[in-house]
Structures are given as structure tokens and as C-alpha cells.
Amino acid sequence: MTIPTGIEIRRRGPAAVLALTGVDARGMFNTKTLQELKEAIEELPRDESVRVIVITGVGDQFCTSGNIGNEPDARAVFAGAFKDLVVAMAQCKTLVALKKRLAEAMENVQSSHPHSGDG
């Protein structure tokens, strides 16, 4: 894995903490940060000591939006990088386990409160 410049990777025991440092002053992602985040999410699970990946911001904000840029094909490049990140997250074993636990928790909440969400 190349050394990222838009994210800082810290290890805290079995957790890999990805701190978003490549967002600009307004908390906007750029294409490079999306690509680096995707690479980290693909690489970190290969280390069997990593049991969970935490994505966080630095300072007061996480991320407010995306900085697409001004190049002619910038929108397509940014959209492609975002899609690649979402695919990597969906395939990440640590996130898959989290999604399963969240789905189970939601089922428990819905069975406990059958009328919640019924406008």
C-alpha cells in the first residue's frame, strides 16, 4: 500500500482508525482521498490482526461534501472513485460483519416497536 496523504492510518489494538486528513477546510472529499480510502479498506483486512476499521474525521467535522474539481472529466472521475469506494466497503469483511450486526439490531428494534416508522 502506498503511503496515503489524504488519510492517516492509526492502529489501536485490533482497530485500524482511518482519519480523514485530506478534506479541505470546508470538509470536502476530493478524488485522491476517495482513492486512498478505498485502497486502505482493501488492504487493511489482509492483516489478520485488524478486526475492525473505523473511519473518522479530524477536528470538528467528518465530511460535508465532495470537491469534484474543474477538469473536463472531473465529475466522471469523482463518481467512479466514489463508486469504487462503496464497492470496496461492501466487500470488506470487517464492514460486512458490522452490516450484519446492524441489520440484526434493526430487526430487534422493529420487532420491539412494530409501529415505528409508520408516519
PDB file of N, CA and C in Angstrom:
ATOM      1  N   MET A   1       0.865  -1.184   0.000  1.00  0.00           N
ATOM      2  CA  MET A   1       0.000   0.000   0.000  1.00  0.00           C
ATOM      3  C   MET A   1       0.899   1.231   0.000  1.00  0.00           C
ATOM      4  N   THR A   2       0.614   2.182  -0.880  1.00  0.00           N
ATOM      5  CA  THR A   2       1.365   3.427  -0.884  1.00  0.00           C
ATOM      6  C   THR A   2       0.994   4.235   0.359  1.00  0.00           C
ATOM      7  N   ILE A   3       1.861   5.117   0.748  1.00  0.00           N
ATOM      8  CA  ILE A   3       1.592   5.935   1.925  1.00  0.00           C
ATOM      9  C   ILE A   3       0.581   7.009   1.543  1.00  0.00           C
ATOM     10  N   PRO A   4      -0.601   6.982   2.154  1.00  0.00           N
ATOM     11  CA  PRO A   4      -1.641   7.958   1.796  1.00  0.00           C
ATOM     12  C   PRO A   4      -1.313   9.348   2.333  1.00  0.00           C
ATOM     13  N   THR A   5      -1.801  10.351   1.636  1.00  0.00           N
ATOM     14  CA  THR A   5      -1.630  11.721   2.101  1.00  0.00           C
ATOM     15  C   THR A   5      -2.956  12.327   2.548  1.00  0.00           C
ATOM     16  N   GLY A   6      -4.082  11.722   2.139  1.00  0.00           N
ATOM     17  CA  GLY A   6      -5.391  12.258   2.480  1.00  0.00           C
ATOM     18  C   GLY A   6      -6.026  11.591   3.684  1.00  0.00           C
ATOM     19  N   ILE A   7      -5.405  10.498   4.144  1.00  0.00           N
ATOM     20  CA  ILE A   7      -5.897   9.824   5.343  1.00  0.00           C
ATOM     21  C   ILE A   7      -4.706   9.462   6.216  1.00  0.00           C
ATOM     22  N   GLU A   8      -4.946   9.398   7.482  1.00  0.00           N
ATOM     23  CA  GLU A   8      -3.927   8.968   8.431  1.00  0.00           C
ATOM     24  C   GLU A   8      -4.409   7.648   9.018  1.00  0.00           C
ATOM     25  N   ILE A   9      -3.557   6.641   8.963  1.00  0.00           N
ATOM     26  CA  ILE A   9      -3.923   5.321   9.475  1.00  0.00           C
ATOM     27  C   ILE A   9      -3.243   5.124  10.822  1.00  0.00           C
ATOM     28  N   ARG A  10      -4.061   4.906  11.841  1.00  0.00           N
ATOM     29  CA  ARG A  10      -3.551   4.642  13.189  1.00  0.00           C
ATOM     30  C   ARG A  10      -4.051   3.290  13.637  1.00  0.00           C
ATOM     31  N   ARG A  11      -3.226   2.569  14.355  1.00  0.00           N
ATOM     32  CA  ARG A  11      -3.648   1.290  14.911  1.00  0.00           C
ATOM     33  C   ARG A  11      -3.889   1.447  16.397  1.00  0.00           C
ATOM     34  N   ARG A  12      -5.004   0.932  16.845  1.00  0.00           N
ATOM     35  CA  ARG A  12      -5.366   0.904  18.259  1.00  0.00           C
ATOM     36  C   ARG A  12      -5.780  -0.523  18.578  1.00  0.00           C
ATOM     37  N   GLY A  13      -4.818  -1.363  18.917  1.00  0.00           N
ATOM     38  CA  GLY A  13      -5.109  -2.772  19.145  1.00  0.00           C
ATOM     39  C   GLY A  13      -5.630  -3.396  17.873  1.00  0.00           C
ATOM     40  N   PRO A  14      -6.791  -4.054  17.928  1.00  0.00           N
ATOM     41  CA  PRO A  14      -7.336  -4.698  16.731  1.00  0.00           C
ATOM     42  C   PRO A  14      -8.054  -3.726  15.789  1.00  0.00           C
ATOM     43  N   ALA A  15      -8.094  -2.454  16.141  1.00  0.00           N
ATOM     44  CA  ALA A  15      -8.786  -1.460  15.310  1.00  0.00           C
ATOM     45  C   ALA A  15      -7.782  -0.691  14.448  1.00  0.00           C
ATOM     46  N   ALA A  16      -8.168  -0.497  13.200  1.00  0.00           N
ATOM     47  CA  ALA A  16      -7.439   0.394  12.304  1.00  0.00           C
ATOM     48  C   ALA A  16      -8.309   1.646  12.168  1.00  0.00           C
ATOM     49  N   VAL A  17      -7.786   2.780  12.581  1.00  0.00           N
ATOM     50  CA  VAL A  17      -8.536   4.032  12.537  1.00  0.00           C
ATOM     51  C   VAL A  17      -8.048   4.838  11.340  1.00  0.00           C
ATOM     52  N   LEU A  18      -8.971   5.122  10.426  1.00  0.00           N
ATOM     53  CA  LEU A  18      -8.668   5.929   9.253  1.00  0.00           C
ATOM     54  C   LEU A  18      -9.196   7.330   9.497  1.00  0.00           C
ATOM     55  N   ALA A  19      -8.293   8.265   9.734  1.00  0.00           N
ATOM     56  CA  ALA A  19      -8.678   9.655   9.976  1.00  0.00           C
ATOM     57  C   ALA A  19      -8.546  10.426   8.667  1.00  0.00           C
ATOM     58  N   LEU A  20      -9.617  11.068   8.259  1.00  0.00           N
ATOM     59  CA  LEU A  20      -9.637  11.813   7.001  1.00  0.00           C
ATOM     60  C   LEU A  20      -8.921  13.144   7.179  1.00  0.00           C
ATOM     61  N   THR A  21      -7.704  13.232   6.663  1.00  0.00           N
ATOM     62  CA  THR A  21      -6.924  14.465   6.757  1.00  0.00           C
ATOM     63  C   THR A  21      -6.895  15.211   5.433  1.00  0.00           C
ATOM     64  N   GLY A  22      -7.356  14.555   4.365  1.00  0.00           N
ATOM     65  CA  GLY A  22      -7.282  15.150   3.039  1.00  0.00           C
ATOM     66  C   GLY A  22      -8.504  15.927   2.631  1.00  0.00           C
ATOM     67  N   VAL A  23      -9.406  16.185   3.570  1.00  0.00           N
ATOM     68  CA  VAL A  23     -10.552  17.024   3.251  1.00  0.00           C
ATOM     69  C   VAL A  23     -10.121  18.477   3.394  1.00  0.00           C
ATOM     70  N   ASP A  24     -10.681  19.343   2.579  1.00  0.00           N
ATOM     71  CA  ASP A  24     -10.263  20.741   2.648  1.00  0.00           C
ATOM     72  C   ASP A  24     -10.904  21.444   3.840  1.00  0.00           C
ATOM     73  N   ALA A  25     -10.699  22.717   3.946  1.00  0.00           N
ATOM     74  CA  ALA A  25     -11.152  23.490   5.106  1.00  0.00           C
ATOM     75  C   ALA A  25     -12.665  23.420   5.309  1.00  0.00           C
ATOM     76  N   ARG A  26     -13.408  23.174   4.245  1.00  0.00           N
ATOM     77  CA  ARG A  26     -14.858  23.063   4.370  1.00  0.00           C
ATOM     78  C   ARG A  26     -15.307  21.624   4.555  1.00  0.00           C
ATOM     79  N   GLY A  27     -14.355  20.703   4.753  1.00  0.00           N
ATOM     80  CA  GLY A  27     -14.706  19.314   4.983  1.00  0.00           C
ATOM     81  C   GLY A  27     -15.147  18.580   3.734  1.00  0.00           C
ATOM     82  N   MET A  28     -14.535  18.888   2.588  1.00  0.00           N
ATOM     83  CA  MET A  28     -14.938  18.271   1.330  1.00  0.00           C
ATOM     84  C   MET A  28     -13.940  17.200   0.894  1.00  0.00           C
ATOM     85  N   PHE A  29     -14.456  16.009   0.547  1.00  0.00           N
ATOM     86  CA  PHE A  29     -13.631  14.957  -0.043  1.00  0.00           C
ATOM     87  C   PHE A  29     -13.107  15.416  -1.391  1.00  0.00           C
ATOM     88  N   ASN A  30     -11.966  14.890  -1.796  1.00  0.00           N
ATOM     89  CA  ASN A  30     -11.538  15.029  -3.179  1.00  0.00           C
ATOM     90  C   ASN A  30     -11.289  13.630  -3.733  1.00  0.00           C
ATOM     91  N   THR A  31     -11.062  13.509  -5.024  1.00  0.00           N
ATOM     92  CA  THR A  31     -10.918  12.214  -5.669  1.00  0.00           C
ATOM     93  C   THR A  31      -9.754  11.432  -5.082  1.00  0.00           C
ATOM     94  N   LYS A  32      -8.639  12.086  -4.822  1.00  0.00           N
ATOM     95  CA  LYS A  32      -7.464  11.403  -4.283  1.00  0.00           C
ATOM     96  C   LYS A  32      -7.771  10.788  -2.915  1.00  0.00           C
ATOM     97  N   THR A  33      -8.462  11.518  -2.058  1.00  0.00           N
ATOM     98  CA  THR A  33      -8.808  10.989  -0.738  1.00  0.00           C
ATOM     99  C   THR A  33      -9.727   9.775  -0.870  1.00  0.00           C
ATOM    100  N   LEU A  34     -10.689   9.826  -1.792  1.00  0.00           N
ATOM    101  CA  LEU A  34     -11.572   8.675  -2.023  1.00  0.00           C
ATOM    102  C   LEU A  34     -10.767   7.458  -2.453  1.00  0.00           C
ATOM    103  N   GLN A  35      -9.806   7.668  -3.357  1.00  0.00           N
ATOM    104  CA  GLN A  35      -8.989   6.561  -3.848  1.00  0.00           C
ATOM    105  C   GLN A  35      -8.122   5.987  -2.730  1.00  0.00           C
ATOM    106  N   GLU A  36      -7.541   6.848  -1.909  1.00  0.00           N
ATOM    107  CA  GLU A  36      -6.705   6.378  -0.808  1.00  0.00           C
ATOM    108  C   GLU A  36      -7.527   5.624   0.236  1.00  0.00           C
ATOM    109  N   LEU A  37      -8.718   6.094   0.509  1.00  0.00           N
ATOM    110  CA  LEU A  37      -9.600   5.421   1.458  1.00  0.00           C
ATOM    111  C   LEU A  37      -9.977   4.033   0.939  1.00  0.00           C
ATOM    112  N   LYS A  38     -10.281   3.938  -0.346  1.00  0.00           N
ATOM    113  CA  LYS A  38     -10.594   2.653  -0.973  1.00  0.00           C
ATOM    114  C   LYS A  38      -9.413   1.695  -0.841  1.00  0.00           C
ATOM    115  N   GLU A  39      -8.215   2.160  -1.153  1.00  0.00           N
ATOM    116  CA  GLU A  39      -7.026   1.307  -1.061  1.00  0.00           C
ATOM    117  C   GLU A  39      -6.815   0.806   0.364  1.00  0.00           C
ATOM    118  N   ALA A  40      -6.982   1.675   1.336  1.00  0.00           N
ATOM    119  CA  ALA A  40      -6.800   1.275   2.733  1.00  0.00           C
ATOM    120  C   ALA A  40      -7.841   0.236   3.137  1.00  0.00           C
ATOM    121  N   ILE A  41      -9.089   0.425   2.711  1.00  0.00           N
ATOM    122  CA  ILE A  41     -10.156  -0.509   3.057  1.00  0.00           C
ATOM    123  C   ILE A  41      -9.937  -1.864   2.387  1.00  0.00           C
ATOM    124  N   GLU A  42      -9.291  -1.869   1.231  1.00  0.00           N
ATOM    125  CA  GLU A  42      -8.970  -3.132   0.571  1.00  0.00           C
ATOM    126  C   GLU A  42      -7.772  -3.829   1.216  1.00  0.00           C
ATOM    127  N   GLU A  43      -6.782  -3.054   1.642  1.00  0.00           N
ATOM    128  CA  GLU A  43      -5.537  -3.612   2.171  1.00  0.00           C
ATOM    129  C   GLU A  43      -5.618  -4.032   3.632  1.00  0.00           C
ATOM    130  N   LEU A  44      -6.232  -3.234   4.480  1.00  0.00           N
ATOM    131  CA  LEU A  44      -6.203  -3.489   5.926  1.00  0.00           C
ATOM    132  C   LEU A  44      -6.766  -4.847   6.332  1.00  0.00           C
ATOM    133  N   PRO A  45      -7.857  -5.334   5.739  1.00  0.00           N
ATOM    134  CA  PRO A  45      -8.370  -6.644   6.150  1.00  0.00           C
ATOM    135  C   PRO A  45      -7.425  -7.807   5.851  1.00  0.00           C
ATOM    136  N   ARG A  46      -6.431  -7.584   5.002  1.00  0.00           N
ATOM    137  CA  ARG A  46      -5.452  -8.639   4.715  1.00  0.00           C
ATOM    138  C   ARG A  46      -4.555  -8.904   5.920  1.00  0.00           C
ATOM    139  N   ASP A  47      -4.497  -7.944   6.820  1.00  0.00           N
ATOM    140  CA  ASP A  47      -3.771  -8.100   8.086  1.00  0.00           C
ATOM    141  C   ASP A  47      -4.753  -8.738   9.065  1.00  0.00           C
ATOM    142  N   GLU A  48      -4.515  -9.979   9.428  1.00  0.00           N
ATOM    143  CA  GLU A  48      -5.468 -10.707  10.271  1.00  0.00           C
ATOM    144  C   GLU A  48      -5.614 -10.115  11.663  1.00  0.00           C
ATOM    145  N   SER A  49      -4.694  -9.247  12.071  1.00  0.00           N
ATOM    146  CA  SER A  49      -4.835  -8.622  13.393  1.00  0.00           C
ATOM    147  C   SER A  49      -5.843  -7.478  13.376  1.00  0.00           C
ATOM    148  N   VAL A  50      -6.235  -7.022  12.186  1.00  0.00           N
ATOM    149  CA  VAL A  50      -7.242  -5.964  12.071  1.00  0.00           C
ATOM    150  C   VAL A  50      -8.618  -6.609  12.178  1.00  0.00           C
ATOM    151  N   ARG A  51      -9.337  -6.256  13.218  1.00  0.00           N
ATOM    152  CA  ARG A  51     -10.676  -6.822  13.443  1.00  0.00           C
ATOM    153  C   ARG A  51     -11.776  -5.828  13.089  1.00  0.00           C
ATOM    154  N   VAL A  52     -11.436  -4.544  13.081  1.00  0.00           N
ATOM    155  CA  VAL A  52     -12.431  -3.518  12.784  1.00  0.00           C
ATOM    156  C   VAL A  52     -11.725  -2.318  12.157  1.00  0.00           C
ATOM    157  N   ILE A  53     -12.425  -1.664  11.242  1.00  0.00           N
ATOM    158  CA  ILE A  53     -11.926  -0.434  10.627  1.00  0.00           C
ATOM    159  C   ILE A  53     -12.872   0.687  11.026  1.00  0.00           C
ATOM    160  N   VAL A  54     -12.304   1.746  11.570  1.00  0.00           N
ATOM    161  CA  VAL A  54     -13.079   2.912  11.987  1.00  0.00           C
ATOM    162  C   VAL A  54     -12.689   4.067  11.074  1.00  0.00           C
ATOM    163  N   ILE A  55     -13.683   4.728  10.495  1.00  0.00           N
ATOM    164  CA  ILE A  55     -13.430   5.899   9.651  1.00  0.00           C
ATOM    165  C   ILE A  55     -13.913   7.117  10.417  1.00  0.00           C
ATOM    166  N   THR A  56     -13.028   8.088  10.574  1.00  0.00           N
ATOM    167  CA  THR A  56     -13.360   9.276  11.359  1.00  0.00           C
ATOM    168  C   THR A  56     -12.778  10.516  10.688  1.00  0.00           C
ATOM    169  N   GLY A  57     -13.204  11.653  11.154  1.00  0.00           N
ATOM    170  CA  GLY A  57     -12.669  12.910  10.669  1.00  0.00           C
ATOM    171  C   GLY A  57     -11.624  13.447  11.634  1.00  0.00           C
ATOM    172  N   VAL A  58     -11.086  14.578  11.291  1.00  0.00           N
ATOM    173  CA  VAL A  58     -10.126  15.262  12.148  1.00  0.00           C
ATOM    174  C   VAL A  58     -10.731  16.616  12.487  1.00  0.00           C
ATOM    175  N   GLY A  59     -10.730  16.965  13.750  1.00  0.00           N
ATOM    176  CA  GLY A  59     -11.300  18.247  14.142  1.00  0.00           C
ATOM    177  C   GLY A  59     -12.799  18.169  14.320  1.00  0.00           C
ATOM    178  N   ASP A  60     -13.485  19.241  13.929  1.00  0.00           N
ATOM    179  CA  ASP A  60     -14.906  19.384  14.197  1.00  0.00           C
ATOM    180  C   ASP A  60     -15.830  18.671  13.217  1.00  0.00           C
ATOM    181  N   GLN A  61     -15.330  18.260  12.062  1.00  0.00           N
ATOM    182  CA  GLN A  61     -16.236  17.702  11.074  1.00  0.00           C
ATOM    183  C   GLN A  61     -15.679  16.430  10.448  1.00  0.00           C
ATOM    184  N   PHE A  62     -16.597  15.640   9.914  1.00  0.00           N
ATOM    185  CA  PHE A  62     -16.220  14.413   9.221  1.00  0.00           C
ATOM    186  C   PHE A  62     -16.025  14.738   7.742  1.00  0.00           C
ATOM    187  N   CYS A  63     -17.083  14.987   7.045  1.00  0.00           N
ATOM    188  CA  CYS A  63     -17.032  15.370   5.635  1.00  0.00           C
ATOM    189  C   CYS A  63     -18.367  15.991   5.269  1.00  0.00           C
ATOM    190  N   THR A  64     -18.327  17.132   4.603  1.00  0.00           N
ATOM    191  CA  THR A  64     -19.570  17.813   4.266  1.00  0.00           C
ATOM    192  C   THR A  64     -20.046  17.535   2.849  1.00  0.00           C
ATOM    193  N   SER A  65     -19.110  17.270   1.933  1.00  0.00           N
ATOM    194  CA  SER A  65     -19.480  17.041   0.531  1.00  0.00           C
ATOM    195  C   SER A  65     -18.233  16.643  -0.254  1.00  0.00           C
ATOM    196  N   GLY A  66     -18.314  16.763  -1.566  1.00  0.00           N
ATOM    197  CA  GLY A  66     -17.184  16.403  -2.410  1.00  0.00           C
ATOM    198  C   GLY A  66     -16.701  17.563  -3.247  1.00  0.00           C
ATOM    199  N   ASN A  67     -15.378  17.666  -3.386  1.00  0.00           N
ATOM    200  CA  ASN A  67     -14.753  18.662  -4.246  1.00  0.00           C
ATOM    201  C   ASN A  67     -14.411  17.971  -5.556  1.00  0.00           C
ATOM    202  N   ILE A  68     -15.255  18.129  -6.544  1.00  0.00           N
ATOM    203  CA  ILE A  68     -15.123  17.409  -7.810  1.00  0.00           C
ATOM    204  C   ILE A  68     -13.945  17.925  -8.621  1.00  0.00           C
ATOM    205  N   GLY A  69     -13.696  19.205  -8.623  1.00  0.00           N
ATOM    206  CA  GLY A  69     -12.615  19.772  -9.413  1.00  0.00           C
ATOM    207  C   GLY A  69     -13.143  20.394 -10.692  1.00  0.00           C
ATOM    208  N   ASN A  70     -12.225  20.958 -11.472  1.00  0.00           N
ATOM    209  CA  ASN A  70     -12.616  21.699 -12.669  1.00  0.00           C
ATOM    210  C   ASN A  70     -12.210  21.043 -13.983  1.00  0.00           C
ATOM    211  N   GLU A  71     -11.525  19.903 -13.936  1.00  0.00           N
ATOM    212  CA  GLU A  71     -11.089  19.253 -15.157  1.00  0.00           C
ATOM    213  C   GLU A  71     -12.309  18.815 -15.973  1.00  0.00           C
ATOM    214  N   PRO A  72     -12.142  18.684 -17.300  1.00  0.00           N
ATOM    215  CA  PRO A  72     -13.283  18.336 -18.154  1.00  0.00           C
ATOM    216  C   PRO A  72     -14.014  17.056 -17.740  1.00  0.00           C
ATOM    217  N   ASP A  73     -13.306  16.029 -17.316  1.00  0.00           N
ATOM    218  CA  ASP A  73     -13.952  14.768 -16.950  1.00  0.00           C
ATOM    219  C   ASP A  73     -13.994  14.566 -15.437  1.00  0.00           C
ATOM    220  N   ALA A  74     -13.870  15.653 -14.677  1.00  0.00           N
ATOM    221  CA  ALA A  74     -13.766  15.571 -13.216  1.00  0.00           C
ATOM    222  C   ALA A  74     -14.976  14.904 -12.579  1.00  0.00           C
ATOM    223  N   ARG A  75     -16.161  15.205 -13.066  1.00  0.00           N
ATOM    224  CA  ARG A  75     -17.372  14.630 -12.477  1.00  0.00           C
ATOM    225  C   ARG A  75     -17.367  13.105 -12.630  1.00  0.00           C
ATOM    226  N   ALA A  76     -17.012  12.612 -13.798  1.00  0.00           N
ATOM    227  CA  ALA A  76     -16.980  11.164 -14.040  1.00  0.00           C
ATOM    228  C   ALA A  76     -15.886  10.496 -13.214  1.00  0.00           C
ATOM    229  N   VAL A  77     -14.727  11.142 -13.100  1.00  0.00           N
ATOM    230  CA  VAL A  77     -13.626  10.578 -12.319  1.00  0.00           C
ATOM    231  C   VAL A  77     -14.013  10.504 -10.844  1.00  0.00           C
ATOM    232  N   PHE A  78     -14.609  11.576 -10.318  1.00  0.00           N
ATOM    233  CA  PHE A  78     -15.026  11.597  -8.916  1.00  0.00           C
ATOM    234  C   PHE A  78     -16.104  10.539  -8.669  1.00  0.00           C
ATOM    235  N   ALA A  79     -17.085  10.459  -9.553  1.00  0.00           N
ATOM    236  CA  ALA A  79     -18.162   9.472  -9.405  1.00  0.00           C
ATOM    237  C   ALA A  79     -17.605   8.057  -9.445  1.00  0.00           C
ATOM    238  N   GLY A  80     -16.647   7.809 -10.329  1.00  0.00           N
ATOM    239  CA  GLY A  80     -16.022   6.491 -10.405  1.00  0.00           C
ATOM    240  C   GLY A  80     -15.262   6.147  -9.139  1.00  0.00           C
ATOM    241  N   ALA A  81     -14.533   7.127  -8.592  1.00  0.00           N
ATOM    242  CA  ALA A  81     -13.783   6.900  -7.345  1.00  0.00           C
ATOM    243  C   ALA A  81     -14.739   6.635  -6.190  1.00  0.00           C
ATOM    244  N   PHE A  82     -15.861   7.359  -6.157  1.00  0.00           N
ATOM    245  CA  PHE A  82     -16.851   7.155  -5.095  1.00  0.00           C
ATOM    246  C   PHE A  82     -17.473   5.765  -5.213  1.00  0.00           C
ATOM    247  N   LYS A  83     -17.831   5.360  -6.430  1.00  0.00           N
ATOM    248  CA  LYS A  83     -18.396   4.024  -6.655  1.00  0.00           C
ATOM    249  C   LYS A  83     -17.398   2.953  -6.222  1.00  0.00           C
ATOM    250  N   ASP A  84     -16.133   3.105  -6.606  1.00  0.00           N
ATOM    251  CA  ASP A  84     -15.102   2.130  -6.230  1.00  0.00           C
ATOM    252  C   ASP A  84     -14.971   2.030  -4.713  1.00  0.00           C
ATOM    253  N   LEU A  85     -15.082   3.159  -4.019  1.00  0.00           N
ATOM    254  CA  LEU A  85     -15.012   3.162  -2.556  1.00  0.00           C
ATOM    255  C   LEU A  85     -16.196   2.394  -1.966  1.00  0.00           C
ATOM    256  N   VAL A  86     -17.393   2.640  -2.475  1.00  0.00           N
ATOM    257  CA  VAL A  86     -18.585   1.955  -1.971  1.00  0.00           C
ATOM    258  C   VAL A  86     -18.470   0.450  -2.202  1.00  0.00           C
ATOM    259  N   VAL A  87     -17.979   0.035  -3.357  1.00  0.00           N
ATOM    260  CA  VAL A  87     -17.790  -1.389  -3.645  1.00  0.00           C
ATOM    261  C   VAL A  87     -16.781  -1.990  -2.671  1.00  0.00           C
ATOM    262  N   ALA A  88     -15.663  -1.306  -2.444  1.00  0.00           N
ATOM    263  CA  ALA A  88     -14.648  -1.801  -1.509  1.00  0.00           C
ATOM    264  C   ALA A  88     -15.227  -1.937  -0.102  1.00  0.00           C
ATOM    265  N   MET A  89     -16.040  -0.968   0.307  1.00  0.00           N
ATOM    266  CA  MET A  89     -16.663  -1.041   1.628  1.00  0.00           C
ATOM    267  C   MET A  89     -17.633  -2.217   1.705  1.00  0.00           C
ATOM    268  N   ALA A  90     -18.381  -2.461   0.646  1.00  0.00           N
ATOM    269  CA  ALA A  90     -19.340  -3.569   0.644  1.00  0.00           C
ATOM    270  C   ALA A  90     -18.638  -4.916   0.707  1.00  0.00           C
ATOM    271  N   GLN A  91     -17.438  -4.994   0.156  1.00  0.00           N
ATOM    272  CA  GLN A  91     -16.711  -6.255   0.121  1.00  0.00           C
ATOM    273  C   GLN A  91     -15.809  -6.458   1.336  1.00  0.00           C
ATOM    274  N   CYS A  92     -15.645  -5.447   2.143  1.00  0.00           N
ATOM    275  CA  CYS A  92     -14.741  -5.514   3.289  1.00  0.00           C
ATOM    276  C   CYS A  92     -15.334  -6.409   4.371  1.00  0.00           C
ATOM    277  N   LYS A  93     -14.593  -7.434   4.779  1.00  0.00           N
ATOM    278  CA  LYS A  93     -15.129  -8.400   5.749  1.00  0.00           C
ATOM    279  C   LYS A  93     -15.452  -7.751   7.087  1.00  0.00           C
ATOM    280  N   THR A  94     -14.674  -6.759   7.511  1.00  0.00           N
ATOM    281  CA  THR A  94     -14.963  -6.126   8.791  1.00  0.00           C
ATOM    282  C   THR A  94     -16.235  -5.305   8.704  1.00  0.00           C
ATOM    283  N   LEU A  95     -16.487  -4.687   7.564  1.00  0.00           N
ATOM    284  CA  LEU A  95     -17.719  -3.925   7.401  1.00  0.00           C
ATOM    285  C   LEU A  95     -18.906  -4.838   7.176  1.00  0.00           C
ATOM    286  N   VAL A  96     -18.685  -5.996   6.547  1.00  0.00           N
ATOM    287  CA  VAL A  96     -19.774  -6.953   6.340  1.00  0.00           C
ATOM    288  C   VAL A  96     -20.298  -7.431   7.688  1.00  0.00           C
ATOM    289  N   ALA A  97     -19.380  -7.734   8.607  1.00  0.00           N
ATOM    290  CA  ALA A  97     -19.807  -8.171   9.945  1.00  0.00           C
ATOM    291  C   ALA A  97     -20.596  -7.066  10.626  1.00  0.00           C
ATOM    292  N   LEU A  98     -20.170  -5.830  10.471  1.00  0.00           N
ATOM    293  CA  LEU A  98     -20.875  -4.706  11.068  1.00  0.00           C
ATOM    294  C   LEU A  98     -22.268  -4.567  10.463  1.00  0.00           C
ATOM    295  N   LYS A  99     -22.372  -4.686   9.130  1.00  0.00           N
ATOM    296  CA  LYS A  99     -23.672  -4.577   8.476  1.00  0.00           C
ATOM    297  C   LYS A  99     -24.629  -5.649   8.991  1.00  0.00           C
ATOM    298  N   LYS A 100     -24.117  -6.868   9.186  1.00  0.00           N
ATOM    299  CA  LYS A 100     -24.972  -7.941   9.690  1.00  0.00           C
ATOM    300  C   LYS A 100     -25.468  -7.612  11.092  1.00  0.00           C
ATOM    301  N   ARG A 101     -24.583  -7.111  11.934  1.00  0.00           N
ATOM    302  CA  ARG A 101     -24.987  -6.756  13.301  1.00  0.00           C
ATOM    303  C   ARG A 101     -25.983  -5.598  13.295  1.00  0.00           C
ATOM    304  N   LEU A 102     -25.773  -4.633  12.415  1.00  0.00           N
ATOM    305  CA  LEU A 102     -26.717  -3.516  12.331  1.00  0.00           C
ATOM    306  C   LEU A 102     -28.085  -4.000  11.855  1.00  0.00           C
ATOM    307  N   ALA A 103     -28.103  -4.910  10.876  1.00  0.00           N
ATOM    308  CA  ALA A 103     -29.374  -5.439  10.382  1.00  0.00           C
ATOM    309  C   ALA A 103     -30.097  -6.195  11.490  1.00  0.00           C
ATOM    310  N   GLU A 104     -29.358  -6.979  12.270  1.00  0.00           N
ATOM    311  CA  GLU A 104     -29.966  -7.705  13.387  1.00  0.00           C
ATOM    312  C   GLU A 104     -30.522  -6.728  14.426  1.00  0.00           C
ATOM    313  N   ALA A 105     -29.766  -5.677  14.705  1.00  0.00           N
ATOM    314  CA  ALA A 105     -30.222  -4.685  15.672  1.00  0.00           C
ATOM    315  C   ALA A 105     -31.490  -3.996  15.175  1.00  0.00           C
ATOM    316  N   MET A 106     -31.537  -3.675  13.884  1.00  0.00           N
ATOM    317  CA  MET A 106     -32.727  -3.029  13.327  1.00  0.00           C
ATOM    318  C   MET A 106     -33.934  -3.957  13.405  1.00  0.00           C
ATOM    319  N   GLU A 107     -33.717  -5.249  13.149  1.00  0.00           N
ATOM    320  CA  GLU A 107     -34.819  -6.207  13.267  1.00  0.00           C
ATOM    321  C   GLU A 107     -35.330  -6.258  14.700  1.00  0.00           C
ATOM    322  N   ASN A 108     -34.422  -6.237  15.664  1.00  0.00           N
ATOM    323  CA  ASN A 108     -34.818  -6.241  17.069  1.00  0.00           C
ATOM    324  C   ASN A 108     -35.615  -4.994  17.427  1.00  0.00           C
ATOM    325  N   VAL A 109     -35.173  -3.843  16.930  1.00  0.00           N
ATOM    326  CA  VAL A 109     -35.886  -2.593  17.211  1.00  0.00           C
ATOM    327  C   VAL A 109     -37.273  -2.639  16.582  1.00  0.00           C
ATOM    328  N   GLN A 110     -37.355  -3.092  15.340  1.00  0.00           N
ATOM    329  CA  GLN A 110     -38.644  -3.142  14.652  1.00  0.00           C
ATOM    330  C   GLN A 110     -39.602  -4.128  15.309  1.00  0.00           C
ATOM    331  N   SER A 111     -39.081  -5.257  15.798  1.00  0.00           N
ATOM    332  CA  SER A 111     -39.974  -6.209  16.457  1.00  0.00           C
ATOM    333  C   SER A 111     -40.409  -5.697  17.830  1.00  0.00           C
ATOM    334  N   SER A 112     -39.587  -4.872  18.467  1.00  0.00           N
ATOM    335  CA  SER A 112     -39.942  -4.284  19.759  1.00  0.00           C
ATOM    336  C   SER A 112     -40.913  -3.122  19.618  1.00  0.00           C
ATOM    337  N   HIS A 113     -40.844  -2.440  18.468  1.00  0.00           N
ATOM    338  CA  HIS A 113     -41.675  -1.261  18.183  1.00  0.00           C
ATOM    339  C   HIS A 113     -42.299  -1.437  16.802  1.00  0.00           C
ATOM    340  N   PRO A 114     -43.297  -2.296  16.668  1.00  0.00           N
ATOM    341  CA  PRO A 114     -43.843  -2.626  15.343  1.00  0.00           C
ATOM    342  C   PRO A 114     -44.452  -1.445  14.598  1.00  0.00           C
ATOM    343  N   HIS A 115     -44.805  -0.381  15.269  1.00  0.00           N
ATOM    344  CA  HIS A 115     -45.424   0.747  14.565  1.00  0.00           C
ATOM    345  C   HIS A 115     -44.456   1.882  14.312  1.00  0.00           C
ATOM    346  N   SER A 116     -43.172   1.708  14.658  1.00  0.00           N
ATOM    347  CA  SER A 116     -42.219   2.798  14.413  1.00  0.00           C
ATOM    348  C   SER A 116     -42.018   2.945  12.914  1.00  0.00           C
ATOM    349  N   GLY A 117     -41.939   4.180  12.466  1.00  0.00           N
ATOM    350  CA  GLY A 117     -41.764   4.463  11.061  1.00  0.00           C
ATOM    351  C   GLY A 117     -43.034   4.440  10.242  1.00  0.00           C
ATOM    352  N   ASP A 118     -44.180   4.299  10.874  1.00  0.00           N
ATOM    353  CA  ASP A 118     -45.453   4.264  10.144  1.00  0.00           C
ATOM    354  C   ASP A 118     -46.073   5.665  10.010  1.00  0.00           C
ATOM    355  N   GLY A 119     -45.215   6.686   9.753  1.00  0.00           N
ATOM    356  CA  GLY A 119     -45.672   8.055   9.517  1.00  0.00           C
ATOM    357  C   GLY A 119     -46.828   8.425  10.283  1.00  0.00           C
TER     358      GLY A 119
END
